[in-house]
Amino acid sequence: MERAMLGVCLRDRISNVEIRRRTRVTDIAQRVARLKWQWAGHIVRRKDGRWDPKVLEWQPRTGKRSVGRPPTRWADDIKRVAGSRWIQAAQNHGIWNSLQKSYVQQWTSFGLYDDDNDTILSLRLFAPSETLLLALYHHQKHITVH
């Protein structure tokens, strides 16, 4: 669809990233991942006694586990990026927002285009704890990660 908008065909060998940059069309997978990340941060920062944050940490007391790999919970993929202390990381907006780019990249097929710097970010190589440390350093030193 975007290639048709630009009048470009596959033989022109223009990358999807370049086409996305030219059209400025938002990728729906990136949008959904970004909204999920923001909602997770919003939920854990609530201090009004609602049940939402408690549900994130709830573990059932009884019942048999089914055979095979346990199903992925909503917070499990967030832990992959922010580490096991993601709830503490979400309390700081700066840290949480810097981790968002890594999360969105992890859950999209072709990476994340950073509109601010016109670069492709590549934080996928870092382990969750290292990503958190990188985000802390990024937030404190105000550096741009390329």
Protein backbone atom coordinates (compact mmCIF):
# COMPACT_ATOMS: atom_id res chain seq x y z
CA MET A 1 0.00 0.00 0.00
CA GLU A 2 2.75 2.44 0.93
CA ARG A 3 4.76 1.49 -2.16
CA ALA A 4 1.71 2.30 -4.29
CA MET A 5 1.35 5.65 -2.52
CA LEU A 6 4.92 6.52 -3.53
CA GLY A 7 4.76 4.94 -6.98
CA VAL A 8 7.60 2.58 -6.04
CA CYS A 9 7.84 -1.10 -6.98
CA LEU A 10 9.95 -3.91 -5.52
CA ARG A 11 12.39 -3.68 -8.44
CA ASP A 12 13.38 -0.21 -7.24
CA ARG A 13 14.94 -1.97 -4.23
CA ILE A 14 13.91 0.66 -1.70
CA SER A 15 13.83 -0.70 1.84
CA ASN A 16 10.68 -0.81 3.94
CA VAL A 17 12.36 1.47 6.48
CA GLU A 18 12.99 4.10 3.80
CA ILE A 19 9.41 3.81 2.52
CA ARG A 20 8.07 4.17 6.06
CA ARG A 21 10.28 7.24 6.54
CA ARG A 22 9.00 8.84 3.34
CA THR A 23 5.30 8.19 3.96
CA ARG A 24 5.36 8.86 7.71
CA VAL A 25 2.66 6.19 8.11
CA THR A 26 2.59 4.76 11.63
CA ASP A 27 3.14 1.03 11.83
CA ILE A 28 0.21 -0.49 13.73
CA ALA A 29 2.43 -3.05 15.51
CA GLN A 30 4.66 -0.26 16.80
CA ARG A 31 1.63 1.75 17.88
CA VAL A 32 0.11 -1.17 19.80
CA ALA A 33 3.43 -2.00 21.49
CA ARG A 34 3.97 1.65 22.44
CA LEU A 35 0.46 1.93 23.93
CA LYS A 36 0.89 -1.32 25.87
CA TRP A 37 4.17 -0.07 27.33
CA GLN A 38 2.65 3.28 28.31
CA TRP A 39 -0.38 1.58 29.87
CA ALA A 40 1.85 -0.74 31.93
CA GLY A 41 3.73 2.26 33.32
CA HIS A 42 0.49 4.08 34.04
CA ILE A 43 -0.98 1.09 35.90
CA VAL A 44 1.99 0.53 38.21
CA ARG A 45 2.32 4.24 39.06
CA ARG A 46 -1.26 4.43 40.37
CA LYS A 47 -1.46 5.14 44.09
CA ASP A 48 -5.23 5.37 44.52
CA GLY A 49 -5.77 1.83 45.84
CA ARG A 50 -7.22 0.36 42.66
CA TRP A 51 -6.82 -3.35 42.01
CA ASP A 52 -4.96 -2.97 38.68
CA PRO A 53 -1.38 -2.97 40.08
CA LYS A 54 -2.18 -5.86 42.39
CA VAL A 55 -3.33 -8.02 39.48
CA LEU A 56 0.10 -7.71 37.84
CA GLU A 57 1.77 -9.50 40.77
CA TRP A 58 -1.03 -11.96 41.66
CA GLN A 59 -0.18 -15.66 41.68
CA PRO A 60 -2.92 -18.31 42.02
CA ARG A 61 -2.61 -20.37 45.20
CA THR A 62 -4.14 -23.62 44.01
CA GLY A 63 -4.64 -25.56 40.85
CA LYS A 64 -2.63 -27.84 38.63
CA ARG A 65 -0.33 -26.46 36.01
CA SER A 66 -0.86 -27.82 32.55
CA VAL A 67 1.81 -29.81 30.75
CA GLY A 68 4.25 -27.83 28.62
CA ARG A 69 5.44 -24.28 28.71
CA PRO A 70 3.31 -22.01 30.89
CA PRO A 71 1.38 -19.37 28.98
CA THR A 72 3.03 -15.98 28.68
CA ARG A 73 1.50 -13.45 31.01
CA TRP A 74 0.97 -9.82 30.13
CA ALA A 75 3.88 -8.66 32.29
CA ASP A 76 6.31 -11.35 31.08
CA ASP A 77 7.22 -9.59 27.85
CA ILE A 78 7.66 -6.32 29.75
CA LYS A 79 10.09 -8.10 32.10
CA ARG A 80 12.16 -9.20 29.09
CA VAL A 81 13.04 -5.58 28.39
CA ALA A 82 12.98 -3.89 31.79
CA GLY A 83 14.08 -6.83 33.94
CA SER A 84 12.47 -8.30 37.02
CA ARG A 85 12.46 -4.89 38.74
CA TRP A 86 10.30 -3.34 36.02
CA ILE A 87 7.73 -2.05 38.52
CA GLN A 88 10.43 0.05 40.21
CA ALA A 89 11.72 1.21 36.82
CA ALA A 90 8.22 2.35 35.82
CA GLN A 91 8.12 4.78 38.75
CA ASN A 92 10.68 6.98 36.95
CA HIS A 93 9.15 8.43 33.76
CA GLY A 94 12.55 9.14 32.18
CA ILE A 95 13.82 5.60 32.61
CA TRP A 96 10.49 4.10 31.55
CA ASN A 97 10.30 6.22 28.40
CA SER A 98 13.87 5.36 27.38
CA LEU A 99 13.09 1.64 27.72
CA GLN A 100 10.00 2.04 25.54
CA LYS A 101 12.02 2.18 22.31
CA SER A 102 13.71 -1.11 23.12
CA TYR A 103 10.35 -2.72 23.93
CA VAL A 104 8.72 -1.52 20.71
CA GLN A 105 11.68 -2.77 18.68
CA GLN A 106 11.47 -6.19 20.30
CA TRP A 107 7.82 -6.61 19.34
CA THR A 108 7.99 -5.37 15.75
CA SER A 109 9.34 -7.35 12.86
CA PHE A 110 11.76 -4.88 11.27
CA GLY A 111 13.04 -2.75 14.12
CA LEU A 112 12.23 0.72 15.29
CA TYR A 113 12.70 3.91 13.33
CA ASP A 114 13.61 6.78 15.62
CA ASP A 115 12.03 9.94 14.19
CA ASP A 116 14.07 12.17 16.49
CA ASN A 117 17.47 11.06 15.22
CA ASP A 118 16.66 9.55 11.78
CA THR A 119 18.40 6.34 12.81
CA ILE A 120 17.49 2.74 13.40
CA LEU A 121 17.90 1.82 17.05
CA SER A 122 19.39 -1.53 17.90
CA LEU A 123 18.98 -2.26 21.60
CA ARG A 124 17.80 -5.83 21.02
CA LEU A 125 21.31 -7.19 21.64
CA PHE A 126 21.25 -6.32 25.32
CA ALA A 127 19.99 -8.59 28.09
CA PRO A 128 17.10 -7.15 30.15
CA SER A 129 19.28 -6.05 33.08
CA GLU A 130 21.82 -4.51 30.71
CA THR A 131 19.04 -2.70 28.86
CA LEU A 132 17.88 -1.19 32.13
CA LEU A 133 21.44 -0.11 32.96
CA LEU A 134 21.82 1.37 29.47
CA ALA A 135 18.56 3.26 29.93
CA LEU A 136 19.69 4.55 33.32
CA TYR A 137 22.95 5.77 31.78
CA HIS A 138 21.09 7.24 28.81
CA HIS A 139 18.69 9.09 31.11
CA GLN A 140 21.36 10.43 33.47
CA LYS A 141 23.89 11.50 30.84
CA HIS A 142 21.38 12.62 28.19
CA ILE A 143 23.23 10.78 25.45
CA THR A 144 21.81 9.56 22.17
CA VAL A 145 22.03 5.81 21.62
CA HIS A 146 22.79 4.80 18.02
